[in-house]
Amino acid sequence: MLFSSLTFLFVFLPVVLFFYWIVRPQLRNTVLLLSSLFFYAWGEPKYVLVMISTILINYIGALAVDKYRDKKILAVTLTIICDLLFLFYFKYFDFFISNINEAFHSNFGLLNILMPIGISFYTFQSISYVVDVYREDVPVQKNLFKLALYISLFPQLVAGPIVKYHDVAEQIEDRQVNYEEIVLGIKRFIIGLSKKVLIANTMGAIADNIFNKSVDELSAAVSWLGAIAYSMQIFFDFSGYSDMAIGLGLMFGFKFKENFNYPYISKSITEFWRRWHISLSTWFKEYVYIPLGGNRISQSRTYINIAIVFLLTGFWHGANWTFLLWGVWHGMFNILEKATGLHKDSGVRWKECLKHVYAILIVLFGWVLFRADNITYAWAYIRNMIGLYDTTTYLKFNSYFTGFDVFIMILAIVFSMPIASNLLSSTSENFWKKNLLNATLIILFIISVSFLVASTYNPFIYFRF
């Protein structure tokens, strides 16, 4: 079930909110847990068993870590291995078999395994829990149903943000729901819905139309258009989902951390990763980079640790060499910036402007790798962008967009910068501005719903990760 679906907006969410608000506080976790399991089962009933298995494994594993402190390393290791085996089987097994077949000219049969939606997200959340117990950052959760709620909580279940257990442990035990936060949650949800339906879907249609064609059919200008459209699509798609998840969390009394902070204003790739998919980058920092030694050992070891983190980041996104290369691409520039100090503020305006251009270009070329079906296509596409690929037959540039598309792309560029948030913050104490904002949000919701009724194009990119 999609957040941006009529079924969710007008049936599932109102029903869940109604029962959540009318039951006594002791039963609210039960309402949320049952709703979350139903939400997940709506699209993939059989894969609920996979998630329940993950819940049981981590519940038992954390109890073992807590009880057998002298053997807690073994207990946490076995639990994490079980988590990763689930992830490997459903997400990477066929990828490895196909590569073995290609490398050794073997003929092992593929299983054509369908990946459960959101398995990467709830697997990382499960690992977060058992590691937090191992580190004694939180007490072990002895209530199975409360742990199940943490792992299956539907607002952030299938596409994040990745919520670390120590960030919400107290909220699972006790949280308050008040009118102001419910209203704020509704507003945040509408903003996310609008970003997804009006901007991401429009940009996605342009990007798909271009990337689905052979590079031979694309001019350099069209290739740049496709890269820019996809960069807008993936940002507004994923940040829109995160906005909706954060808004839903507020409606139920949960406070999730921000997942995006205007990444396209970055002046370095290091800064980009402090602003993009924050929950993933901080997860890798806390559970991989720092345990590997971080930057505390030596400079060379720091670079190795960064390389490992970004290799894993790319691999986390999918079973394709393009994702691995995308991770290597970003890791390479992170290491370069650490070695040269390029990520530090020079204090000189023109240098910072050039650094911004540099960062955007690196990100754009990276998105081509991320979006392409294979490395061969990505390389040809990038060569075409920089004028090194000979294309002879292609449609005119303006064949790929309408006047409305241009308008939406301009809005996308504007709202990818903190201009809008500054305007919104200035309305908080002004009665007329506040009511104008409320009226605008109502109009945006109505327009978004009308788009949903009229369109069948409504994918979420990160569902497949």
Protein backbone atom coordinates (compact mmCIF):
# COMPACT_ATOMS: atom_id res chain seq x y z
CA MET A 1 0.00 0.00 0.00
CA LEU A 2 1.41 3.38 -1.03
CA PHE A 3 1.15 6.51 1.12
CA SER A 4 0.23 8.28 -2.11
CA SER A 5 -2.72 6.02 -2.87
CA LEU A 6 -6.40 6.79 -2.49
CA THR A 7 -6.88 3.63 -0.43
CA PHE A 8 -4.30 4.76 2.11
CA LEU A 9 -5.44 8.40 2.21
CA PHE A 10 -9.17 7.87 2.50
CA VAL A 11 -9.59 4.41 4.04
CA PHE A 12 -6.57 2.99 5.87
CA LEU A 13 -5.20 6.12 7.54
CA PRO A 14 -8.53 7.57 8.75
CA VAL A 15 -9.58 4.18 10.19
CA VAL A 16 -6.26 3.65 11.98
CA LEU A 17 -6.25 7.19 13.38
CA PHE A 18 -9.85 6.81 14.57
CA PHE A 19 -9.16 3.64 16.54
CA TYR A 20 -5.79 4.94 17.76
CA TRP A 21 -7.36 8.07 19.24
CA ILE A 22 -10.44 6.44 20.82
CA VAL A 23 -8.77 3.50 22.61
CA ARG A 24 -7.16 3.98 25.97
CA PRO A 25 -3.41 4.74 25.87
CA GLN A 26 -2.44 1.20 26.97
CA LEU A 27 -3.93 -0.21 23.75
CA ARG A 28 -2.43 2.25 21.29
CA ASN A 29 0.66 0.15 20.63
CA THR A 30 -1.61 -2.81 19.88
CA VAL A 31 -3.60 -0.76 17.35
CA LEU A 32 -0.38 0.39 15.68
CA LEU A 33 1.14 -3.10 15.58
CA LEU A 34 -1.94 -4.72 14.05
CA SER A 35 -2.27 -1.84 11.59
CA SER A 36 1.38 -2.14 10.59
CA LEU A 37 1.14 -5.88 9.96
CA PHE A 38 -2.01 -5.34 7.90
CA PHE A 39 -0.32 -2.50 5.99
CA TYR A 40 2.61 -4.75 5.05
CA ALA A 41 0.41 -7.74 4.27
CA TRP A 42 -1.74 -5.66 1.91
CA GLY A 43 0.78 -5.94 -0.90
CA GLU A 44 2.77 -9.06 0.05
CA PRO A 45 0.90 -11.32 2.51
CA LYS A 46 3.44 -14.17 2.43
CA TYR A 47 6.38 -11.88 3.20
CA VAL A 48 4.88 -10.91 6.54
CA LEU A 49 6.29 -14.26 7.69
CA VAL A 50 9.79 -13.11 6.71
CA MET A 51 9.42 -9.96 8.78
CA ILE A 52 7.95 -11.89 11.72
CA SER A 53 10.90 -14.28 11.52
CA THR A 54 13.27 -11.30 11.65
CA ILE A 55 11.43 -9.98 14.71
CA LEU A 56 11.67 -13.33 16.53
CA ILE A 57 15.36 -13.81 15.68
CA ASN A 58 16.30 -10.38 17.01
CA TYR A 59 14.06 -10.74 20.05
CA ILE A 60 15.71 -14.03 21.03
CA GLY A 61 19.17 -12.81 20.01
CA ALA A 62 18.95 -9.68 22.17
CA LEU A 63 17.70 -11.71 25.14
CA ALA A 64 20.73 -13.98 24.72
CA VAL A 65 23.06 -10.96 24.53
CA ASP A 66 21.57 -9.59 27.73
CA LYS A 67 21.54 -12.89 29.64
CA TYR A 68 24.91 -14.32 28.62
CA ARG A 69 27.15 -11.29 28.94
CA ASP A 70 30.28 -13.42 28.90
CA LYS A 71 29.26 -14.72 25.46
CA LYS A 72 27.54 -11.61 24.16
CA ILE A 73 29.94 -11.23 21.21
CA LEU A 74 28.92 -14.66 19.96
CA ALA A 75 25.22 -13.93 20.51
CA VAL A 76 25.24 -10.59 18.71
CA THR A 77 27.35 -12.00 15.85
CA LEU A 78 25.01 -14.94 15.25
CA THR A 79 21.97 -12.65 15.34
CA ILE A 80 23.46 -10.22 12.82
CA ILE A 81 24.50 -13.12 10.57
CA CYS A 82 20.91 -14.38 10.57
CA ASP A 83 19.64 -10.90 9.68
CA LEU A 84 22.13 -10.58 6.84
CA LEU A 85 21.39 -14.08 5.53
CA PHE A 86 17.75 -13.11 5.06
CA LEU A 87 18.85 -9.96 3.24
CA PHE A 88 21.39 -11.84 1.13
CA TYR A 89 18.96 -14.56 0.09
CA PHE A 90 16.12 -12.29 -0.98
CA LYS A 91 18.16 -9.41 -2.40
CA TYR A 92 21.49 -10.74 -3.63
CA PHE A 93 21.33 -14.51 -4.19
CA ASP A 94 20.37 -14.40 -7.87
CA PHE A 95 22.86 -11.58 -8.46
CA PHE A 96 25.72 -13.70 -7.14
CA ILE A 97 24.60 -16.78 -9.06
CA SER A 98 24.35 -14.86 -12.34
CA ASN A 99 27.84 -13.39 -11.83
CA ILE A 100 29.27 -16.82 -11.00
CA ASN A 101 27.70 -18.18 -14.18
CA GLU A 102 29.21 -15.35 -16.21
CA ALA A 103 32.67 -15.60 -14.63
CA PHE A 104 33.04 -19.39 -14.78
CA HIS A 105 30.75 -20.15 -17.73
CA SER A 106 28.63 -22.31 -15.44
CA ASN A 107 24.90 -22.85 -15.70
CA PHE A 108 23.49 -22.69 -12.18
CA GLY A 109 19.78 -22.00 -12.26
CA LEU A 110 18.42 -18.71 -10.93
CA LEU A 111 15.66 -18.85 -8.34
CA ASN A 112 13.97 -15.64 -9.57
CA ILE A 113 13.43 -14.57 -5.98
CA LEU A 114 11.05 -11.68 -5.36
CA MET A 115 12.45 -9.30 -2.79
CA PRO A 116 10.16 -8.34 0.12
CA ILE A 117 9.47 -4.62 0.08
CA GLY A 118 11.48 -2.69 2.65
CA ILE A 119 13.68 -5.61 3.74
CA SER A 120 16.82 -3.45 3.63
CA PHE A 121 15.23 -0.91 5.95
CA TYR A 122 13.79 -3.22 8.59
CA THR A 123 16.91 -5.43 8.53
CA PHE A 124 19.09 -2.42 9.41
CA GLN A 125 16.65 -1.41 12.13
CA SER A 126 16.80 -4.93 13.57
CA ILE A 127 20.61 -4.83 13.60
CA SER A 128 20.44 -1.42 15.28
CA TYR A 129 18.38 -2.91 18.11
CA VAL A 130 20.56 -5.91 18.89
CA VAL A 131 23.78 -3.85 18.67
CA ASP A 132 22.33 -1.19 20.99
CA VAL A 133 21.56 -3.93 23.52
CA TYR A 134 25.07 -5.35 23.07
CA ARG A 135 26.61 -1.92 23.73
CA GLU A 136 24.28 -1.47 26.73
CA ASP A 137 22.98 1.77 25.22
CA VAL A 138 19.43 0.56 25.88
CA PRO A 139 17.89 -2.15 28.06
CA VAL A 140 16.77 -5.31 26.33
CA GLN A 141 13.15 -5.21 25.20
CA LYS A 142 11.44 -8.11 26.96
CA ASN A 143 8.05 -7.37 25.46
CA LEU A 144 7.95 -9.12 22.08
CA PHE A 145 5.08 -6.99 20.84
CA LYS A 146 6.88 -3.71 21.54
CA LEU A 147 9.91 -4.92 19.60
CA ALA A 148 7.60 -6.04 16.80
CA LEU A 149 6.11 -2.54 16.75
CA TYR A 150 9.56 -0.97 16.42
CA ILE A 151 10.54 -3.17 13.46
CA SER A 152 7.18 -3.14 11.68
CA LEU A 153 5.94 0.42 12.38
CA PHE A 154 4.18 1.28 9.13
CA PRO A 155 5.05 5.01 8.76
CA GLN A 156 8.70 4.17 8.06
CA LEU A 157 8.52 0.44 7.35
CA VAL A 158 9.10 0.15 3.62
CA ALA A 159 11.23 3.16 2.64
CA GLY A 160 12.63 4.70 5.79
CA PRO A 161 13.88 6.80 7.32
CA ILE A 162 15.95 4.14 9.10
CA VAL A 163 15.02 4.61 12.75
CA LYS A 164 17.68 3.48 15.21
CA TYR A 165 16.33 1.74 18.29
CA HIS A 166 17.98 4.05 20.82
CA ASP A 167 16.24 7.02 19.18
CA VAL A 168 12.71 5.69 19.79
CA ALA A 169 13.05 3.21 22.68
CA GLU A 170 11.49 5.60 25.19
CA GLN A 171 8.77 6.66 22.74
CA ILE A 172 7.67 3.05 22.30
CA GLU A 173 7.24 2.78 26.06
CA ASP A 174 5.47 6.10 26.55
CA ARG A 175 4.56 9.00 24.28
CA GLN A 176 2.06 11.80 24.26
CA VAL A 177 -0.31 12.68 21.44
CA ASN A 178 -1.47 16.30 21.39
CA TYR A 179 -3.47 18.44 19.01
CA GLU A 180 -0.56 20.68 17.96
CA GLU A 181 1.64 17.78 16.90
CA ILE A 182 -1.21 16.06 15.07
CA VAL A 183 -1.83 19.24 13.06
CA LEU A 184 1.89 19.63 12.41
CA GLY A 185 2.03 16.00 11.30
CA ILE A 186 -0.86 16.50 8.88
CA LYS A 187 0.85 19.56 7.38
CA ARG A 188 4.15 17.70 7.03
CA PHE A 189 2.35 14.78 5.38
CA ILE A 190 0.65 17.06 2.84
CA ILE A 191 3.99 18.69 1.97
CA GLY A 192 5.51 15.25 1.40
CA LEU A 193 2.52 14.08 -0.64
CA SER A 194 2.73 17.18 -2.85
CA LYS A 195 6.48 16.72 -3.38
CA LYS A 196 5.87 13.14 -4.42
CA VAL A 197 2.77 13.49 -6.60
CA LEU A 198 3.29 16.88 -8.22
CA ILE A 199 7.08 17.08 -8.59
CA ALA A 200 8.63 13.59 -8.34
CA ASN A 201 6.06 11.91 -10.57
CA THR A 202 6.29 14.64 -13.21
CA MET A 203 10.10 14.55 -13.23
CA GLY A 204 10.02 10.74 -13.19
CA ALA A 205 7.95 10.59 -16.36
CA ILE A 206 10.52 12.75 -18.17
CA ALA A 207 13.48 10.77 -16.81
CA ASP A 208 11.92 7.41 -17.71
CA ASN A 209 11.14 8.56 -21.23
CA ILE A 210 14.77 9.56 -21.75
CA PHE A 211 16.57 6.73 -19.92
CA ASN A 212 14.42 4.11 -21.64
CA LYS A 213 15.82 5.14 -25.01
CA SER A 214 19.09 4.08 -26.57
CA VAL A 215 21.88 6.63 -26.15
CA ASP A 216 22.06 6.73 -29.96
CA GLU A 217 18.68 8.47 -29.92
CA LEU A 218 19.67 11.19 -27.44
CA SER A 219 21.37 14.50 -28.01
CA ALA A 220 23.77 15.83 -25.38
CA ALA A 221 21.17 18.38 -24.27
CA VAL A 222 18.52 15.68 -23.83
CA SER A 223 20.98 13.57 -21.83
CA TRP A 224 21.52 16.49 -19.45
CA LEU A 225 17.75 16.95 -19.22
CA GLY A 226 17.34 13.29 -18.26
CA ALA A 227 20.03 13.49 -15.59
CA ILE A 228 18.57 16.67 -14.08
CA ALA A 229 15.02 15.30 -14.20
CA TYR A 230 16.11 12.10 -12.44
CA SER A 231 18.04 14.03 -9.81
CA MET A 232 14.86 15.97 -9.05
CA GLN A 233 12.73 12.84 -9.14
CA ILE A 234 14.83 10.86 -6.68
CA PHE A 235 15.17 13.78 -4.26
CA PHE A 236 11.49 14.73 -4.18
CA ASP A 237 10.38 11.09 -4.28
CA PHE A 238 12.50 10.02 -1.32
CA SER A 239 12.35 13.25 0.69
CA GLY A 240 8.61 13.35 0.04
CA TYR A 241 8.25 9.85 1.45
CA SER A 242 10.38 10.84 4.46
CA ASP A 243 8.20 13.93 5.02
CA MET A 244 5.10 11.75 4.95
CA ALA A 245 6.71 9.24 7.35
CA ILE A 246 7.74 11.99 9.77
CA GLY A 247 4.29 13.52 9.54
CA LEU A 248 2.59 10.19 10.20
CA GLY A 249 4.92 9.62 13.13
CA LEU A 250 3.81 12.92 14.69
CA MET A 251 0.16 11.93 14.29
CA PHE A 252 0.88 8.86 16.44
CA GLY A 253 3.19 10.58 18.92
CA PHE A 254 6.54 9.52 17.42
CA LYS A 255 9.32 12.00 16.63
CA PHE A 256 11.52 10.67 13.83
CA LYS A 257 14.74 12.45 12.95
CA GLU A 258 15.07 14.39 9.71
CA ASN A 259 16.31 12.42 6.70
CA PHE A 260 17.13 15.24 4.25
CA ASN A 261 18.55 18.73 4.61
CA TYR A 262 18.68 20.29 1.15
CA PRO A 263 21.52 18.14 -0.24
CA TYR A 264 21.68 20.00 -3.56
CA ILE A 265 23.07 23.12 -1.91
CA SER A 266 26.20 21.17 -0.88
CA LYS A 267 29.67 22.43 -1.75
CA SER A 268 31.35 19.03 -1.42
CA ILE A 269 30.44 15.36 -1.58
CA THR A 270 31.27 15.12 2.13
CA GLU A 271 28.64 17.76 2.83
CA PHE A 272 26.22 16.07 0.43
CA TRP A 273 26.29 12.94 2.59
CA ARG A 274 25.62 14.99 5.69
CA ARG A 275 22.45 16.20 3.98
CA TRP A 276 21.32 13.21 1.86
CA HIS A 277 19.60 10.12 3.35
CA ILE A 278 20.86 11.16 6.79
CA SER A 279 19.44 8.09 8.51
CA LEU A 280 21.48 5.75 6.27
CA SER A 281 24.74 7.70 6.52
CA THR A 282 24.46 7.98 10.31
CA TRP A 283 23.60 4.26 10.55
CA PHE A 284 26.78 3.36 8.66
CA LYS A 285 28.74 5.82 10.78
CA GLU A 286 27.51 4.38 14.09
CA TYR A 287 27.46 0.68 13.22
CA VAL A 288 30.26 0.31 10.62
CA TYR A 289 32.62 3.29 10.34
CA ILE A 290 33.23 3.91 14.06
CA PRO A 291 33.53 0.17 14.95
CA LEU A 292 36.13 -0.15 12.16
CA GLY A 293 38.14 2.54 13.88
CA GLY A 294 36.76 5.63 12.15
CA ASN A 295 39.47 8.26 11.85
CA ARG A 296 41.12 7.40 15.17
CA ILE A 297 43.84 5.02 13.92
CA SER A 298 45.76 6.40 10.97
CA GLN A 299 45.13 8.39 7.82
CA SER A 300 45.44 5.38 5.54
CA ARG A 301 43.10 3.36 7.75
CA THR A 302 40.60 6.24 7.69
CA TYR A 303 40.57 6.13 3.88
CA ILE A 304 40.09 2.36 3.93
CA ASN A 305 37.18 2.71 6.37
CA ILE A 306 35.55 5.35 4.14
CA ALA A 307 35.98 3.07 1.11
CA ILE A 308 34.38 0.14 2.96
CA VAL A 309 31.42 2.26 4.08
CA PHE A 310 30.69 3.58 0.59
CA LEU A 311 31.14 0.19 -1.02
CA LEU A 312 28.54 -1.17 1.43
CA THR A 313 26.34 1.88 0.84
CA GLY A 314 26.27 1.18 -2.87
CA PHE A 315 25.66 -2.52 -2.34
CA TRP A 316 22.86 -1.79 0.14
CA HIS A 317 20.95 -0.01 -2.61
CA GLY A 318 20.69 -3.00 -4.88
CA ALA A 319 22.09 -6.11 -6.52
CA ASN A 320 23.61 -4.44 -9.55
CA TRP A 321 27.13 -3.39 -10.46
CA THR A 322 25.83 0.11 -11.17
CA PHE A 323 24.98 0.58 -7.49
CA LEU A 324 28.38 -0.73 -6.42
CA LEU A 325 30.11 1.65 -8.82
CA TRP A 326 27.90 4.51 -7.59
CA GLY A 327 29.08 3.79 -4.03
CA VAL A 328 32.72 3.64 -5.18
CA TRP A 329 32.23 6.92 -7.10
CA HIS A 330 31.02 8.76 -3.99
CA GLY A 331 33.59 7.07 -1.76
CA MET A 332 36.40 8.11 -4.08
CA PHE A 333 35.47 11.79 -3.87
CA ASN A 334 34.94 11.61 -0.11
CA ILE A 335 38.48 10.27 0.26
CA LEU A 336 39.82 12.89 -2.18
CA GLU A 337 38.20 15.67 -0.16
CA LYS A 338 39.56 14.32 3.12
CA ALA A 339 43.05 14.12 1.63
CA THR A 340 43.01 17.63 0.13
CA GLY A 341 40.79 19.49 2.60
CA LEU A 342 38.43 20.37 -0.25
CA HIS A 343 35.40 19.76 2.00
CA LYS A 344 36.43 22.60 4.32
CA ASP A 345 34.99 26.11 3.94
CA SER A 346 37.53 28.35 2.22
CA GLY A 347 35.75 31.53 3.24
CA VAL A 348 36.10 32.85 -0.32
CA ARG A 349 32.77 33.27 -2.12
CA TRP A 350 33.94 32.49 -5.66
CA LYS A 351 35.77 29.37 -4.50
CA GLU A 352 32.65 28.16 -2.67
CA CYS A 353 30.59 28.76 -5.82
CA LEU A 354 33.02 26.66 -7.87
CA LYS A 355 32.93 23.94 -5.21
CA HIS A 356 29.12 23.92 -5.43
CA VAL A 357 29.30 23.44 -9.21
CA TYR A 358 31.84 20.64 -8.70
CA ALA A 359 29.63 18.88 -6.14
CA ILE A 360 26.51 19.11 -8.32
CA LEU A 361 28.34 17.69 -11.34
CA ILE A 362 29.70 14.76 -9.35
CA VAL A 363 26.23 14.06 -7.95
CA LEU A 364 24.61 14.29 -11.41
CA PHE A 365 27.07 11.87 -13.00
CA GLY A 366 26.54 9.60 -10.01
CA TRP A 367 22.77 9.63 -10.54
CA VAL A 368 23.32 8.47 -14.12
CA LEU A 369 25.16 5.43 -12.72
CA PHE A 370 22.38 4.93 -10.19
CA ARG A 371 19.58 5.14 -12.76
CA ALA A 372 21.16 3.17 -15.63
CA ASP A 373 20.34 -0.52 -16.03
CA ASN A 374 23.97 -1.43 -16.62
CA ILE A 375 27.45 0.08 -16.64
CA THR A 376 27.73 0.02 -20.43
CA TYR A 377 24.64 2.21 -20.80
CA ALA A 378 25.78 4.52 -17.99
CA TRP A 379 29.20 5.04 -19.58
CA ALA A 380 27.70 5.77 -22.99
CA TYR A 381 25.19 8.16 -21.41
CA ILE A 382 27.89 10.09 -19.51
CA ARG A 383 30.07 10.27 -22.64
CA ASN A 384 27.07 11.70 -24.48
CA MET A 385 26.59 14.33 -21.77
CA ILE A 386 30.15 15.59 -22.24
CA GLY A 387 30.03 15.39 -26.04
CA LEU A 388 32.18 12.29 -26.58
CA TYR A 389 29.45 10.03 -27.99
CA ASP A 390 28.35 10.30 -31.60
CA THR A 391 24.56 10.41 -31.85
CA THR A 392 23.10 10.82 -35.30
CA THR A 393 19.33 10.43 -35.02
CA TYR A 394 17.32 11.83 -32.18
CA LEU A 395 14.10 13.65 -31.37
CA LYS A 396 14.09 17.40 -30.86
CA PHE A 397 14.89 18.63 -27.36
CA ASN A 398 11.39 20.01 -26.75
CA SER A 399 9.83 16.64 -27.67
CA TYR A 400 10.55 15.42 -24.14
CA PHE A 401 8.64 17.99 -22.11
CA THR A 402 5.64 20.27 -22.10
CA GLY A 403 5.20 23.78 -20.75
CA PHE A 404 3.78 22.25 -17.55
CA ASP A 405 6.89 20.07 -17.19
CA VAL A 406 9.11 23.15 -17.45
CA PHE A 407 7.05 24.89 -14.77
CA ILE A 408 7.35 21.88 -12.44
CA MET A 409 11.11 21.61 -13.05
CA ILE A 410 11.53 25.28 -12.12
CA LEU A 411 9.53 24.63 -8.94
CA ALA A 412 11.67 21.58 -8.24
CA ILE A 413 14.88 23.58 -8.50
CA VAL A 414 13.47 26.34 -6.28
CA PHE A 415 12.15 23.95 -3.61
CA SER A 416 15.39 21.96 -3.58
CA MET A 417 16.86 25.03 -1.88
CA PRO A 418 15.91 26.32 1.60
CA ILE A 419 13.97 29.28 0.20
CA ALA A 420 10.59 27.71 0.95
CA SER A 421 11.51 26.59 4.46
CA ASN A 422 12.67 30.10 5.32
CA LEU A 423 9.33 31.45 4.15
CA LEU A 424 7.46 28.81 6.14
CA SER A 425 9.38 29.58 9.31
CA SER A 426 8.52 33.27 8.96
CA THR A 427 4.79 32.44 9.03
CA SER A 428 4.82 30.77 12.45
CA GLU A 429 4.02 33.97 14.41
CA ASN A 430 1.96 35.79 11.80
CA PHE A 431 -1.79 35.13 11.84
CA TRP A 432 -2.45 36.02 8.20
CA LYS A 433 0.61 34.24 6.85
CA LYS A 434 -0.23 31.18 8.91
CA ASN A 435 -3.74 31.00 7.52
CA LEU A 436 -2.48 31.61 4.00
CA LEU A 437 -0.10 28.66 4.48
CA ASN A 438 -2.97 26.48 5.74
CA ALA A 439 -5.11 27.41 2.74
CA THR A 440 -2.18 26.67 0.41
CA LEU A 441 -1.70 23.23 1.95
CA ILE A 442 -5.39 22.44 1.55
CA ILE A 443 -5.21 23.44 -2.12
CA LEU A 444 -2.05 21.36 -2.59
CA PHE A 445 -3.79 18.35 -1.05
CA ILE A 446 -6.79 18.73 -3.36
CA ILE A 447 -4.55 19.10 -6.42
CA SER A 448 -2.45 16.09 -5.37
CA VAL A 449 -5.54 13.93 -4.96
CA SER A 450 -6.83 15.03 -8.36
CA PHE A 451 -3.48 14.02 -9.88
CA LEU A 452 -3.71 10.63 -8.18
CA VAL A 453 -7.20 10.09 -9.59
CA ALA A 454 -6.08 11.01 -13.11
CA SER A 455 -2.69 9.26 -13.23
CA THR A 456 -1.48 5.67 -13.03
CA TYR A 457 2.21 6.67 -12.70
CA ASN A 458 2.93 6.54 -8.97
CA PRO A 459 6.04 4.49 -8.10
CA PHE A 460 8.27 5.01 -5.07
CA ILE A 461 11.93 4.59 -6.09
CA TYR A 462 13.18 3.39 -2.71
CA PHE A 463 10.57 0.65 -2.40
CA ARG A 464 12.86 -1.59 -4.43
CA PHE A 465 15.76 -1.12 -2.01
